[in-house]
Amino acid sequence: SCTPEDPCCNLAFLSARPHIYKDVSESKSFAKFLDLFSTGRLHCVPTLLPGSLSLGLWAVVKALFIAAHGWREVGERKAKMFEQYKALYGEYDFIFFGDNGQGDLLAGQLLVAEDLRAREIADQD
């Protein structure tokens, strides 16, 4: 169990929100995480994997004109960021939750497809 005296982190959030100068964007998320942790609604303060400012701005513009594909690049980046994070912790299993906002559905689909490819390669060895 995680406590303020003995912290741990086995929870990570993928965000479309980008890292901006002096953690302007992340500070809101971490304030919420700290509140949830301090009131016992989360067992730890999560890791936050941020999005990209340019992709996020471009997605908003595209969503106005071609709504179905506006967040595609954001979803692809989320999948890529997750795969990089997962590579650091290969001994762990992961569960992905998304809400279909800001590329979550596509990210989940890409992650499942990558997992299936990896299993096929492992089965061939």
Foldseek 3Di string as FASTA:
>chain_A
DADPVRADEPAEEEEQAAQDPPRPPVVVVQVVLVVCCVVVVDVHRYHYHYHDPVLSVQLVVVCVPPVVCSLVVRLVVSLVSVVVVCVVVVVDDDDQDDDPPNNRVVSVVVNVVVVVVVVVVVVVD
